[in-house]
Amino acid sequence: MTPLVLVHGFMGGSAQWEAEIAALSGTRPIIALDLPGFGANAHLPPIASIVGFAEWVLADLQARGVEAFHLLGHSMGGMIVQEVAHRAPTRVRQLVLYATGAIGVLPGRFETIAESKARARADGARATARRIAATWFREGTACPAYEGCAAIAESAAPDAIDAGLDAMQHWSGEAALPKLQQDTLIIWGDQDRTYPWRQIETLWQRIPTTHLAVVPRCAHAVHLENPDAFVPLLRQHLDAAG
C-alpha cells in the first residue's frame, strides 16, 4: 500500500497529526515529518526557502527507502509539497493541498509577514507561537485543540520562525500550477483567516485535476477542529488510488 506523507506548516510538527495517524494507520503506512527547526527536529539548522524544504523532504524520504508516496501539505507545508510534486512527479501519486495557496505573500492575511517577523523578534518565540496558533482556530484560544497545537508551535526554534517567514515571503508557485500532474484534493475551512477563498480558488481552477472540499465552521486547522470531517475526505481521496 502506498504510504501517505504528512508535511506540517509553519510552527507545526508531526505531533499535530495524531487523529489522522490513528484513523488511517490501519489502512496504509503514515509518515509524519518534522521539518528542520520545528517539532521534533527543532534542533536542526533551519531552512529559509520553500525549495530548500522540498529538497530536504525528498532527501529524507529517499533515506527512508520510500520511492512512491501520497503527499499532503498543510499551510506552508502545502507550498513545500507543490515543489516536491514538481521535482519528483513520478514519485508523488495523490496530492492533498490543505489550507494553503500558490503564493507566499498573502493579501488579507491576519497580519503581513513583515509584521509577524517584527512581532516575533519583539515578543519572543513562545509568545509568537501562542499568538499565531490562536488564529488557526475559529474559536481562538477557547478551542479545545488550541493548547496542544500551541505547545507544538512553542517548540519551534527562534531562528526557524524567522527563516520560515523568509521562505514564504520569497516563494510563488502560481506559474507552475498547470504543470501539476497529480490528482489533487484541496481542503479548506470556510473561516480560514490565513488563506482566503481567492487563494483556494486559484488552486482549484489552475491545477488540471482537482477536487474541492470546503469544511464549514472551521478555520486554518480543520484537522484539529473537526477530524471527523477531515479524515473521511482524506480516506476517500487516497482509496481511489490505492
Foldseek 3Di string as FASTA:
>chain_A
DAEEEEEEAALFFQVVCVVLCVVCVVPHHYHYGAFQQFFPNVVGDAAQALLVSLVVVVVVCVVVVQQAHAYEAAASGLCNVVNNCVVRVVRHAAYEYELYFQALADPQAPDGLVVLLVCCVVPDQLVSLLVVLQLQWLNRPPQPLSVVRSVRSSSGDSVNNVSSSSRRNPGGRLVVQCVRDYQYEYEAECAARGHHPVRSVSNVPRRPHYDYDYDYNTYRCCCRRPVVVVNVVVVVRVVVRD
